[in-house]
C-alpha atoms as a PDB file:
ATOM      1  CA  MET A   1       0.151  32.360  25.313  1.00  0.00           C
ATOM      2  CA  ALA A   2      -2.695  34.603  26.451  1.00  0.00           C
ATOM      3  CA  THR A   3      -4.982  31.573  26.762  1.00  0.00           C
ATOM      4  CA  ILE A   4      -2.393  29.705  28.835  1.00  0.00           C
ATOM      5  CA  GLY A   5      -1.934  32.752  31.084  1.00  0.00           C
ATOM      6  CA  ILE A   6      -5.686  33.066  31.658  1.00  0.00           C
ATOM      7  CA  PHE A   7      -5.908  29.326  32.384  1.00  0.00           C
ATOM      8  CA  VAL A   8      -3.081  29.532  34.944  1.00  0.00           C
ATOM      9  CA  ILE A   9      -4.709  32.543  36.648  1.00  0.00           C
ATOM     10  CA  LEU A  10      -8.090  30.801  36.822  1.00  0.00           C
ATOM     11  CA  LEU A  11      -6.468  27.615  38.113  1.00  0.00           C
ATOM     12  CA  GLY A  12      -4.566  29.535  40.793  1.00  0.00           C
ATOM     13  CA  ALA A  13      -7.721  31.410  41.844  1.00  0.00           C
ATOM     14  CA  THR A  14      -9.599  28.104  42.078  1.00  0.00           C
ATOM     15  CA  PHE A  15      -6.844  26.596  44.248  1.00  0.00           C
ATOM     16  CA  TYR A  16      -6.810  29.671  46.493  1.00  0.00           C
ATOM     17  CA  PHE A  17     -10.524  30.220  47.063  1.00  0.00           C
ATOM     18  CA  CYS A  18     -11.431  26.513  47.243  1.00  0.00           C
ATOM     19  CA  ARG A  19      -8.640  25.726  49.706  1.00  0.00           C
ATOM     20  CA  PRO A  20     -10.849  24.175  52.468  1.00  0.00           C
ATOM     21  CA  ILE A  21     -11.992  21.476  50.023  1.00  0.00           C
ATOM     22  CA  LEU A  22      -9.113  21.129  47.567  1.00  0.00           C
ATOM     23  CA  LEU A  23      -6.317  20.919  50.153  1.00  0.00           C
ATOM     24  CA  PRO A  24      -7.538  17.814  52.048  1.00  0.00           C
ATOM     25  CA  VAL A  25      -8.742  16.182  48.816  1.00  0.00           C
ATOM     26  CA  LEU A  26      -5.430  16.737  47.035  1.00  0.00           C
ATOM     27  CA  ALA A  27      -3.483  15.604  50.111  1.00  0.00           C
ATOM     28  CA  ALA A  28      -5.621  12.455  50.271  1.00  0.00           C
ATOM     29  CA  VAL A  29      -4.965  11.726  46.583  1.00  0.00           C
ATOM     30  CA  VAL A  30      -1.198  12.159  47.041  1.00  0.00           C
ATOM     31  CA  VAL A  31      -1.142   9.886  50.100  1.00  0.00           C
ATOM     32  CA  GLY A  32      -3.506   7.454  48.367  1.00  0.00           C
ATOM     33  CA  MET A  33      -1.279   7.138  45.288  1.00  0.00           C
ATOM     34  CA  THR A  34       1.664   6.573  47.634  1.00  0.00           C
ATOM     35  CA  LEU A  35      -0.137   3.775  49.514  1.00  0.00           C
ATOM     36  CA  ALA A  36      -1.781   2.300  46.396  1.00  0.00           C
ATOM     37  CA  PRO A  37       0.937  -0.383  45.924  1.00  0.00           C
ATOM     38  CA  LEU A  38       0.091  -1.757  49.392  1.00  0.00           C
ATOM     39  CA  VAL A  39      -3.578  -2.101  48.475  1.00  0.00           C
ATOM     40  CA  LYS A  40      -2.682  -3.827  45.194  1.00  0.00           C
ATOM     41  CA  ALA A  41      -0.285  -6.196  46.955  1.00  0.00           C
ATOM     42  CA  ALA A  42      -2.960  -7.077  49.523  1.00  0.00           C
ATOM     43  CA  ALA A  43      -5.499  -7.655  46.732  1.00  0.00           C
ATOM     44  CA  ARG A  44      -3.117 -10.127  45.063  1.00  0.00           C
ATOM     45  CA  HIS A  45      -3.130 -12.098  48.331  1.00  0.00           C
ATOM     46  CA  GLY A  46      -6.928 -12.199  48.453  1.00  0.00           C
ATOM     47  CA  LEU A  47      -7.654  -9.257  50.774  1.00  0.00           C
ATOM     48  CA  PRO A  48     -10.488  -6.979  49.584  1.00  0.00           C
ATOM     49  CA  PRO A  49      -9.455  -3.360  48.836  1.00  0.00           C
ATOM     50  CA  TRP A  50     -12.047  -1.955  51.241  1.00  0.00           C
ATOM     51  CA  LEU A  51     -10.576  -3.908  54.164  1.00  0.00           C
ATOM     52  CA  THR A  52      -7.024  -2.817  53.353  1.00  0.00           C
ATOM     53  CA  ALA A  53      -8.128   0.813  52.888  1.00  0.00           C
ATOM     54  CA  VAL A  54      -9.929   0.886  56.245  1.00  0.00           C
ATOM     55  CA  VAL A  55      -6.973  -0.743  58.028  1.00  0.00           C
ATOM     56  CA  LEU A  56      -4.514   1.759  56.526  1.00  0.00           C
ATOM     57  CA  GLY A  57      -6.827   4.646  57.450  1.00  0.00           C
ATOM     58  CA  VAL A  58      -7.155   3.432  61.045  1.00  0.00           C
ATOM     59  CA  VAL A  59      -3.385   2.995  61.330  1.00  0.00           C
ATOM     60  CA  LEU A  60      -2.787   6.550  60.084  1.00  0.00           C
ATOM     61  CA  ILE A  61      -5.430   7.979  62.442  1.00  0.00           C
ATOM     62  CA  ALA A  62      -3.918   6.077  65.388  1.00  0.00           C
ATOM     63  CA  ALA A  63      -0.411   7.298  64.489  1.00  0.00           C
ATOM     64  CA  VAL A  64      -1.542  10.920  64.209  1.00  0.00           C
ATOM     65  CA  GLY A  65      -3.535  10.706  67.450  1.00  0.00           C
ATOM     66  CA  ALA A  66      -0.712   9.060  69.385  1.00  0.00           C
ATOM     67  CA  THR A  67       1.834  11.613  68.155  1.00  0.00           C
ATOM     68  CA  ALA A  68      -0.443  14.557  68.998  1.00  0.00           C
ATOM     69  CA  THR A  69      -1.167  13.135  72.464  1.00  0.00           C
ATOM     70  CA  TRP A  70       2.488  12.528  73.215  1.00  0.00           C
ATOM     71  CA  LEU A  71       3.564  15.970  72.011  1.00  0.00           C
ATOM     72  CA  SER A  72       0.811  17.858  73.841  1.00  0.00           C
ATOM     73  CA  THR A  73       2.469  17.687  77.277  1.00  0.00           C
ATOM     74  CA  PRO A  74       5.927  19.143  76.448  1.00  0.00           C
ATOM     75  CA  VAL A  75       4.456  21.699  74.033  1.00  0.00           C
ATOM     76  CA  THR A  76       1.970  22.868  76.690  1.00  0.00           C
ATOM     77  CA  GLU A  77       4.798  23.235  79.199  1.00  0.00           C
ATOM     78  CA  TRP A  78       6.836  25.362  76.785  1.00  0.00           C
ATOM     79  CA  ILE A  79       3.832  27.550  75.991  1.00  0.00           C
ATOM     80  CA  ALA A  80       3.148  28.077  79.700  1.00  0.00           C
ATOM     81  CA  LYS A  81       6.751  29.239  80.154  1.00  0.00           C
ATOM     82  CA  ALA A  82       6.623  31.607  77.168  1.00  0.00           C
ATOM     83  CA  PRO A  83       6.976  34.893  79.153  1.00  0.00           C
ATOM     84  CA  GLU A  84       9.911  33.509  81.156  1.00  0.00           C
ATOM     85  CA  ILE A  85      11.535  32.122  78.010  1.00  0.00           C
ATOM     86  CA  GLY A  86      11.131  35.459  76.220  1.00  0.00           C
ATOM     87  CA  ALA A  87      12.824  37.300  79.077  1.00  0.00           C
ATOM     88  CA  ILE A  88      15.742  34.845  79.131  1.00  0.00           C
ATOM     89  CA  ILE A  89      16.257  35.075  75.367  1.00  0.00           C
ATOM     90  CA  LYS A  90      16.144  38.874  75.532  1.00  0.00           C
ATOM     91  CA  GLN A  91      18.762  38.823  78.258  1.00  0.00           C
ATOM     92  CA  LYS A  92      21.047  36.478  76.288  1.00  0.00           C
ATOM     93  CA  LEU A  93      20.746  38.551  73.098  1.00  0.00           C
ATOM     94  CA  TYR A  94      21.618  41.850  74.736  1.00  0.00           C
ATOM     95  CA  VAL A  95      24.463  42.311  72.227  1.00  0.00           C
ATOM     96  CA  PHE A  96      21.826  43.015  69.571  1.00  0.00           C
ATOM     97  CA  ASP A  97      20.077  45.739  71.592  1.00  0.00           C
ATOM     98  CA  ARG A  98      22.004  48.614  70.032  1.00  0.00           C
ATOM     99  CA  PRO A  99      21.575  47.487  66.381  1.00  0.00           C
ATOM    100  CA  LEU A 100      17.866  46.893  66.968  1.00  0.00           C
ATOM    101  CA  ALA A 101      17.507  50.310  68.605  1.00  0.00           C
ATOM    102  CA  ALA A 102      19.210  51.888  65.599  1.00  0.00           C
ATOM    103  CA  LEU A 103      16.813  50.095  63.269  1.00  0.00           C
ATOM    104  CA  ARG A 104      13.831  51.295  65.278  1.00  0.00           C
ATOM    105  CA  THR A 105      15.146  54.845  65.149  1.00  0.00           C
ATOM    106  CA  LEU A 106      15.578  54.587  61.379  1.00  0.00           C
ATOM    107  CA  GLN A 107      12.062  53.199  61.028  1.00  0.00           C
ATOM    108  CA  GLU A 108      10.612  56.041  63.080  1.00  0.00           C
ATOM    109  CA  SER A 109      12.430  58.613  60.958  1.00  0.00           C
ATOM    110  CA  VAL A 110      11.221  57.047  57.702  1.00  0.00           C
ATOM    111  CA  MET A 111       7.711  56.037  58.809  1.00  0.00           C
ATOM    112  CA  PRO A 112       6.801  57.941  61.983  1.00  0.00           C
ATOM    113  CA  SER A 113       4.010  56.437  64.036  1.00  0.00           C
ATOM    114  CA  SER A 114       0.862  58.401  64.871  1.00  0.00           C
ATOM    115  CA  GLY A 115       1.642  58.296  68.565  1.00  0.00           C
ATOM    116  CA  SER A 116      -1.837  57.222  69.566  1.00  0.00           C
ATOM    117  CA  SER A 117      -2.346  53.830  71.109  1.00  0.00           C
ATOM    118  CA  VAL A 118      -5.463  52.055  72.200  1.00  0.00           C
ATOM    119  CA  ALA A 119      -5.269  49.881  75.261  1.00  0.00           C
ATOM    120  CA  VAL A 120      -6.890  46.547  74.759  1.00  0.00           C
ATOM    121  CA  GLU A 121      -7.818  44.550  77.776  1.00  0.00           C
ATOM    122  CA  SER A 122      -6.882  40.914  77.379  1.00  0.00           C
ATOM    123  CA  SER A 123      -9.343  38.287  78.400  1.00  0.00           C
ATOM    124  CA  HIS A 124      -9.747  34.563  78.241  1.00  0.00           C
ATOM    125  CA  PHE A 125     -12.056  34.939  75.241  1.00  0.00           C
ATOM    126  CA  ALA A 126      -9.294  36.732  73.320  1.00  0.00           C
ATOM    127  CA  ILE A 127      -7.147  33.614  73.675  1.00  0.00           C
ATOM    128  CA  VAL A 128      -9.844  30.999  73.191  1.00  0.00           C
ATOM    129  CA  THR A 129     -11.452  32.558  70.104  1.00  0.00           C
ATOM    130  CA  PRO A 130      -8.475  32.206  67.707  1.00  0.00           C
ATOM    131  CA  VAL A 131      -7.806  28.674  68.959  1.00  0.00           C
ATOM    132  CA  VAL A 132     -11.392  27.637  68.266  1.00  0.00           C
ATOM    133  CA  ALA A 133     -11.317  29.436  64.907  1.00  0.00           C
ATOM    134  CA  PHE A 134      -8.223  27.403  63.948  1.00  0.00           C
ATOM    135  CA  LEU A 135      -9.310  24.009  65.251  1.00  0.00           C
ATOM    136  CA  THR A 136     -12.842  23.989  63.826  1.00  0.00           C
ATOM    137  CA  PRO A 137     -11.873  24.040  60.106  1.00  0.00           C
ATOM    138  CA  ALA A 138      -8.796  21.900  60.834  1.00  0.00           C
ATOM    139  CA  VAL A 139     -10.939  19.093  62.279  1.00  0.00           C
ATOM    140  CA  ALA A 140     -13.348  19.300  59.327  1.00  0.00           C
ATOM    141  CA  GLU A 141     -10.448  19.157  56.835  1.00  0.00           C
ATOM    142  CA  LEU A 142      -8.938  16.209  58.704  1.00  0.00           C
ATOM    143  CA  ILE A 143     -12.225  14.285  58.523  1.00  0.00           C
ATOM    144  CA  LEU A 144     -12.527  15.065  54.803  1.00  0.00           C
ATOM    145  CA  PHE A 145      -8.916  13.956  54.251  1.00  0.00           C
ATOM    146  CA  PHE A 146      -9.348  10.527  55.851  1.00  0.00           C
ATOM    147  CA  THR A 147     -12.742   9.977  54.203  1.00  0.00           C
ATOM    148  CA  VAL A 148     -11.385  10.723  50.722  1.00  0.00           C
ATOM    149  CA  LEU A 149      -8.252   8.666  51.434  1.00  0.00           C
ATOM    150  CA  ILE A 150     -10.191   5.531  52.395  1.00  0.00           C
ATOM    151  CA  PHE A 151     -12.571   5.827  49.425  1.00  0.00           C
ATOM    152  CA  PHE A 152      -9.679   6.513  47.040  1.00  0.00           C
ATOM    153  CA  LEU A 153      -7.693   3.489  48.235  1.00  0.00           C
ATOM    154  CA  ALA A 154     -10.744   1.224  48.086  1.00  0.00           C
ATOM    155  CA  THR A 155     -11.923   2.293  44.621  1.00  0.00           C
ATOM    156  CA  GLN A 156      -8.676   3.269  42.900  1.00  0.00           C
ATOM    157  CA  MET A 157      -8.795   0.512  40.286  1.00  0.00           C
ATOM    158  CA  ASP A 158     -12.421   1.203  39.400  1.00  0.00           C
ATOM    159  CA  PHE A 159     -11.658   4.908  39.244  1.00  0.00           C
ATOM    160  CA  ARG A 160      -8.686   4.279  36.958  1.00  0.00           C
ATOM    161  CA  ARG A 161     -10.807   2.183  34.580  1.00  0.00           C
ATOM    162  CA  TYR A 162     -13.416   4.926  34.598  1.00  0.00           C
ATOM    163  CA  MET A 163     -10.815   7.560  33.695  1.00  0.00           C
ATOM    164  CA  VAL A 164      -9.356   5.376  30.932  1.00  0.00           C
ATOM    165  CA  SER A 165     -12.780   5.191  29.286  1.00  0.00           C
ATOM    166  CA  PHE A 166     -12.613   8.934  28.558  1.00  0.00           C
ATOM    167  CA  PHE A 167      -9.701   8.437  26.124  1.00  0.00           C
ATOM    168  CA  THR A 168     -10.609   7.374  22.605  1.00  0.00           C
ATOM    169  CA  THR A 169      -7.343   6.059  21.174  1.00  0.00           C
ATOM    170  CA  ARG A 170      -5.297   3.117  22.397  1.00  0.00           C
ATOM    171  CA  ASP A 171      -2.118   5.225  22.635  1.00  0.00           C
ATOM    172  CA  ALA A 172      -3.857   7.779  24.834  1.00  0.00           C
ATOM    173  CA  LYS A 173      -5.171   5.031  27.123  1.00  0.00           C
ATOM    174  CA  LEU A 174      -1.688   3.499  27.427  1.00  0.00           C
ATOM    175  CA  THR A 175      -0.120   6.886  28.096  1.00  0.00           C
ATOM    176  CA  PHE A 176      -2.587   7.554  30.915  1.00  0.00           C
ATOM    177  CA  LEU A 177      -1.912   4.152  32.465  1.00  0.00           C
ATOM    178  CA  ARG A 178       1.852   4.623  32.212  1.00  0.00           C
ATOM    179  CA  ILE A 179       1.599   8.053  33.854  1.00  0.00           C
ATOM    180  CA  SER A 180      -0.533   6.658  36.697  1.00  0.00           C
ATOM    181  CA  ASN A 181       1.790   3.697  37.279  1.00  0.00           C
ATOM    182  CA  ASP A 182       4.931   5.820  37.203  1.00  0.00           C
ATOM    183  CA  ILE A 183       3.460   8.418  39.575  1.00  0.00           C
ATOM    184  CA  GLU A 184       2.614   5.674  42.063  1.00  0.00           C
ATOM    185  CA  GLU A 185       6.076   4.138  41.701  1.00  0.00           C
ATOM    186  CA  TYR A 186       7.903   7.457  42.007  1.00  0.00           C
ATOM    187  CA  LEU A 187       5.843   8.655  44.984  1.00  0.00           C
ATOM    188  CA  ALA A 188       6.105   5.343  46.838  1.00  0.00           C
ATOM    189  CA  SER A 189       9.871   5.074  46.231  1.00  0.00           C
ATOM    190  CA  TYR A 190      10.565   8.702  47.066  1.00  0.00           C
ATOM    191  CA  LEU A 191       8.502   8.871  50.244  1.00  0.00           C
ATOM    192  CA  ALA A 192       9.708   5.473  51.501  1.00  0.00           C
ATOM    193  CA  LEU A 193      13.364   6.376  51.051  1.00  0.00           C
ATOM    194  CA  VAL A 194      12.916   9.912  52.380  1.00  0.00           C
ATOM    195  CA  THR A 195      11.052   8.563  55.422  1.00  0.00           C
ATOM    196  CA  ALA A 196      13.941   6.202  56.172  1.00  0.00           C
ATOM    197  CA  ILE A 197      16.444   9.050  55.780  1.00  0.00           C
ATOM    198  CA  ASN A 198      14.369  11.414  57.918  1.00  0.00           C
ATOM    199  CA  PHE A 199      14.036   8.726  60.592  1.00  0.00           C
ATOM    200  CA  GLY A 200      17.833   8.558  60.718  1.00  0.00           C
ATOM    201  CA  VAL A 201      18.025  12.354  60.958  1.00  0.00           C
ATOM    202  CA  GLY A 202      15.497  12.269  63.807  1.00  0.00           C
ATOM    203  CA  VAL A 203      17.419   9.597  65.713  1.00  0.00           C
ATOM    204  CA  ILE A 204      20.726  11.453  65.353  1.00  0.00           C
ATOM    205  CA  THR A 205      19.062  14.732  66.387  1.00  0.00           C
ATOM    206  CA  ALA A 206      17.500  13.128  69.470  1.00  0.00           C
ATOM    207  CA  VAL A 207      20.837  11.586  70.497  1.00  0.00           C
ATOM    208  CA  GLY A 208      22.622  14.882  69.867  1.00  0.00           C
ATOM    209  CA  ALA A 209      20.038  16.816  71.915  1.00  0.00           C
ATOM    210  CA  TRP A 210      20.531  14.347  74.768  1.00  0.00           C
ATOM    211  CA  LEU A 211      24.323  14.670  74.575  1.00  0.00           C
ATOM    212  CA  PHE A 212      24.110  18.477  74.563  1.00  0.00           C
ATOM    213  CA  GLY A 213      21.780  18.367  77.570  1.00  0.00           C
ATOM    214  CA  LEU A 214      18.656  19.808  75.912  1.00  0.00           C
ATOM    215  CA  PRO A 215      15.308  19.033  77.575  1.00  0.00           C
ATOM    216  CA  ASN A 216      12.929  16.555  75.878  1.00  0.00           C
ATOM    217  CA  PRO A 217      15.456  15.195  73.336  1.00  0.00           C
ATOM    218  CA  LEU A 218      12.870  12.813  71.856  1.00  0.00           C
ATOM    219  CA  LEU A 219      10.674  15.807  71.037  1.00  0.00           C
ATOM    220  CA  PHE A 220      13.496  17.380  69.016  1.00  0.00           C
ATOM    221  CA  GLY A 221      14.057  14.079  67.208  1.00  0.00           C
ATOM    222  CA  ILE A 222      10.409  13.892  66.122  1.00  0.00           C
ATOM    223  CA  MET A 223      10.398  17.555  65.088  1.00  0.00           C
ATOM    224  CA  ALA A 224      13.568  17.087  63.034  1.00  0.00           C
ATOM    225  CA  MET A 225      12.101  14.037  61.297  1.00  0.00           C
ATOM    226  CA  VAL A 226       8.796  15.739  60.438  1.00  0.00           C
ATOM    227  CA  LEU A 227      10.280  19.091  59.402  1.00  0.00           C
ATOM    228  CA  ASN A 228      12.882  17.416  57.204  1.00  0.00           C
ATOM    229  CA  TYR A 229      10.092  16.449  54.793  1.00  0.00           C
ATOM    230  CA  ILE A 230      10.069  20.141  53.787  1.00  0.00           C
ATOM    231  CA  PRO A 231      13.328  20.913  51.946  1.00  0.00           C
ATOM    232  CA  TYR A 232      15.187  24.059  53.026  1.00  0.00           C
ATOM    233  CA  ILE A 233      12.314  25.515  55.078  1.00  0.00           C
ATOM    234  CA  GLY A 234      11.980  22.600  57.515  1.00  0.00           C
ATOM    235  CA  PRO A 235      15.654  22.399  58.545  1.00  0.00           C
ATOM    236  CA  ALA A 236      15.775  26.205  58.823  1.00  0.00           C
ATOM    237  CA  CYS A 237      12.824  26.145  61.238  1.00  0.00           C
ATOM    238  CA  MET A 238      14.540  23.400  63.241  1.00  0.00           C
ATOM    239  CA  VAL A 239      17.701  25.505  63.496  1.00  0.00           C
ATOM    240  CA  VAL A 240      15.649  28.397  64.909  1.00  0.00           C
ATOM    241  CA  VAL A 241      13.994  26.076  67.446  1.00  0.00           C
ATOM    242  CA  LEU A 242      17.331  24.635  68.575  1.00  0.00           C
ATOM    243  CA  LEU A 243      18.799  28.111  68.895  1.00  0.00           C
ATOM    244  CA  GLY A 244      15.865  29.337  70.985  1.00  0.00           C
ATOM    245  CA  VAL A 245      15.942  26.331  73.301  1.00  0.00           C
ATOM    246  CA  GLY A 246      19.735  26.575  73.547  1.00  0.00           C
ATOM    247  CA  LEU A 247      19.507  30.217  74.604  1.00  0.00           C
ATOM    248  CA  VAL A 248      17.112  29.221  77.394  1.00  0.00           C
ATOM    249  CA  SER A 249      18.945  26.071  78.506  1.00  0.00           C
ATOM    250  CA  PHE A 250      22.620  27.094  78.336  1.00  0.00           C
ATOM    251  CA  PRO A 251      24.471  29.848  80.201  1.00  0.00           C
ATOM    252  CA  SER A 252      26.318  31.425  77.266  1.00  0.00           C
ATOM    253  CA  LEU A 253      25.496  32.415  73.692  1.00  0.00           C
ATOM    254  CA  GLY A 254      28.479  30.495  72.336  1.00  0.00           C
ATOM    255  CA  TYR A 255      27.352  27.194  73.837  1.00  0.00           C
ATOM    256  CA  ALA A 256      23.779  27.843  72.678  1.00  0.00           C
ATOM    257  CA  LEU A 257      25.068  28.035  69.090  1.00  0.00           C
ATOM    258  CA  LEU A 258      26.568  24.523  69.188  1.00  0.00           C
ATOM    259  CA  PRO A 259      23.308  22.482  68.765  1.00  0.00           C
ATOM    260  CA  PRO A 260      22.037  24.460  65.739  1.00  0.00           C
ATOM    261  CA  ALA A 261      25.548  24.418  64.208  1.00  0.00           C
ATOM    262  CA  ALA A 262      25.706  20.632  64.602  1.00  0.00           C
ATOM    263  CA  PHE A 263      22.246  20.277  63.064  1.00  0.00           C
ATOM    264  CA  ILE A 264      23.272  22.452  60.092  1.00  0.00           C
ATOM    265  CA  ALA A 265      26.280  20.187  59.548  1.00  0.00           C
ATOM    266  CA  LEU A 266      24.042  17.098  59.760  1.00  0.00           C
ATOM    267  CA  THR A 267      21.400  18.342  57.298  1.00  0.00           C
ATOM    268  CA  THR A 268      24.055  19.677  54.909  1.00  0.00           C
ATOM    269  CA  MET A 269      25.723  16.258  54.766  1.00  0.00           C
ATOM    270  CA  GLU A 270      22.315  14.567  54.428  1.00  0.00           C
ATOM    271  CA  GLY A 271      21.088  16.878  51.682  1.00  0.00           C
ATOM    272  CA  HIS A 272      24.244  16.947  49.578  1.00  0.00           C
ATOM    273  CA  LEU A 273      25.739  13.473  50.105  1.00  0.00           C
ATOM    274  CA  ILE A 274      23.429  10.890  51.677  1.00  0.00           C
ATOM    275  CA  THR A 275      20.080  11.635  50.008  1.00  0.00           C
ATOM    276  CA  PRO A 276      21.436  11.988  46.428  1.00  0.00           C
ATOM    277  CA  ALA A 277      23.474   8.797  46.850  1.00  0.00           C
ATOM    278  CA  ILE A 278      20.469   6.790  48.095  1.00  0.00           C
ATOM    279  CA  LEU A 279      17.823   8.188  45.777  1.00  0.00           C
ATOM    280  CA  GLY A 280      20.031   7.993  42.721  1.00  0.00           C
ATOM    281  CA  ARG A 281      19.816  10.034  39.565  1.00  0.00           C
ATOM    282  CA  ARG A 282      16.313   8.800  38.746  1.00  0.00           C
ATOM    283  CA  LEU A 283      14.683  10.700  41.588  1.00  0.00           C
ATOM    284  CA  VAL A 284      16.929  13.751  41.719  1.00  0.00           C
ATOM    285  CA  LEU A 285      14.840  16.936  41.535  1.00  0.00           C
ATOM    286  CA  ASN A 286      16.055  20.300  40.325  1.00  0.00           C
ATOM    287  CA  PRO A 287      16.878  22.457  43.406  1.00  0.00           C
ATOM    288  CA  LEU A 288      15.506  25.610  41.779  1.00  0.00           C
ATOM    289  CA  GLY A 289      12.305  23.788  40.862  1.00  0.00           C
ATOM    290  CA  VAL A 290      11.940  22.524  44.433  1.00  0.00           C
ATOM    291  CA  LEU A 291      12.473  26.036  45.803  1.00  0.00           C
ATOM    292  CA  LEU A 292       9.905  27.544  43.429  1.00  0.00           C
ATOM    293  CA  ALA A 293       7.398  24.780  44.224  1.00  0.00           C
ATOM    294  CA  LEU A 294       7.898  25.371  47.955  1.00  0.00           C
ATOM    295  CA  ALA A 295       7.424  29.110  47.553  1.00  0.00           C
ATOM    296  CA  PHE A 296       4.255  28.714  45.473  1.00  0.00           C
ATOM    297  CA  TRP A 297       2.478  26.012  47.473  1.00  0.00           C
ATOM    298  CA  THR A 298       3.483  27.523  50.835  1.00  0.00           C
ATOM    299  CA  TRP A 299       2.089  30.891  49.738  1.00  0.00           C
ATOM    300  CA  LEU A 300      -1.076  29.217  48.481  1.00  0.00           C
ATOM    301  CA  TRP A 301      -1.818  26.710  51.265  1.00  0.00           C
ATOM    302  CA  GLY A 302       0.552  27.442  54.137  1.00  0.00           C
ATOM    303  CA  PRO A 303       2.343  24.629  56.026  1.00  0.00           C
ATOM    304  CA  MET A 304       0.337  21.837  54.383  1.00  0.00           C
ATOM    305  CA  GLY A 305       1.223  23.281  50.991  1.00  0.00           C
ATOM    306  CA  ALA A 306       4.895  23.076  51.967  1.00  0.00           C
ATOM    307  CA  PHE A 307       4.509  19.357  52.788  1.00  0.00           C
ATOM    308  CA  LEU A 308       2.733  18.711  49.481  1.00  0.00           C
ATOM    309  CA  ALA A 309       5.125  20.752  47.319  1.00  0.00           C
ATOM    310  CA  VAL A 310       7.632  17.989  46.503  1.00  0.00           C
ATOM    311  CA  PRO A 311       5.041  15.194  45.906  1.00  0.00           C
ATOM    312  CA  LEU A 312       3.067  17.511  43.617  1.00  0.00           C
ATOM    313  CA  MET A 313       6.276  18.413  41.814  1.00  0.00           C
ATOM    314  CA  ILE A 314       7.035  14.710  41.314  1.00  0.00           C
ATOM    315  CA  MET A 315       3.545  14.164  39.864  1.00  0.00           C
ATOM    316  CA  GLY A 316       3.982  17.074  37.464  1.00  0.00           C
ATOM    317  CA  PHE A 317       7.503  15.966  36.552  1.00  0.00           C
ATOM    318  CA  VAL A 318       6.372  12.422  35.673  1.00  0.00           C
ATOM    319  CA  THR A 319       3.402  13.720  33.668  1.00  0.00           C
ATOM    320  CA  LEU A 320       5.569  16.097  31.648  1.00  0.00           C
ATOM    321  CA  GLN A 321       8.116  13.342  30.981  1.00  0.00           C
ATOM    322  CA  HIS A 322       5.438  11.225  29.316  1.00  0.00           C
ATOM    323  CA  LEU A 323       3.633  14.012  27.479  1.00  0.00           C
ATOM    324  CA  PHE A 324       6.798  15.755  26.283  1.00  0.00           C
ATOM    325  CA  PRO A 325       9.577  13.134  26.116  1.00  0.00           C
ATOM    326  CA  ALA A 326      13.102  14.516  25.966  1.00  0.00           C
ATOM    327  CA  ASP A 327      14.738  14.600  22.552  1.00  0.00           C
ATOM    328  CA  GLU A 328      17.532  12.042  22.519  1.00  0.00           C
ATOM    329  CA  SER A 329      19.581  14.053  20.053  1.00  0.00           C
ATOM    330  CA  LYS A 330      22.198  16.212  21.716  1.00  0.00           C
ATOM    331  CA  LEU A 331      21.910  19.931  21.243  1.00  0.00           C
ATOM    332  CA  PRO A 332      25.074  21.912  20.433  1.00  0.00           C
ATOM    333  CA  GLY A 333      26.719  23.448  23.489  1.00  0.00           C
END
């Protein structure tokens, strides 16, 4: 047990400190294993893997670029109106002024502040510096992601044969191949079905935002679709966004609560009825396991870790199923 604990600690430290390299590489492997069936299908029709890999990479880059370009205008407008929006929200939430004041008083009595404050003059450099500090590694990680993805898709079969050569026995080789094939099948099935479901959630959200009279309803549809890839956390963030925009757009607090309440009803029905019925029992994941995976990978790698949590859990789940098959004999209750 001590050896396993030390191994887990070392593995976690490696994941944490090597994040700039491991995160895009691992994301590229997950996406590559998901798209691998397309490359294999194209190869069966005579298309070389390199051509298919480059085409898929270009399509993904174009989709990401088009989405970022389209979203930049409304997001920039909302950021420019941030002070005005903050004042409106503060005015609408005046009913919480007294509880918040009581909390501040309690905090001051428990942890009194020093009373000294240093005035910091804001400048354009204070705004530009963190933006540049965020974008510079993000662009480098994005380039690494697409480079690894294209090479992985183009050389996946050669890489698989190379990995098989490390195993000495025939059973071990077969087990590795079964694990690889099942991971590809599970990931492709899961992400294809979830993408279709999330597209439906996005369409319904966009239509609902238009019916409620929210600005930029298509923007809310895209946000709902993307955030719904993250169980629990994504829909919760969308509820907060809808509430904030509702407070700015509508005259009363009660009416502002209608869009987030409708979205909660939609995602509850989707998560408890539609998704389990479509995915079936074969792809049902333990809710506690999903929550723990989200907590761990989000803590380790932030938002990208949250997106990768479920695919990584599927990969681990399939691997454990093959290495430690369930005993068919029923245990006493």
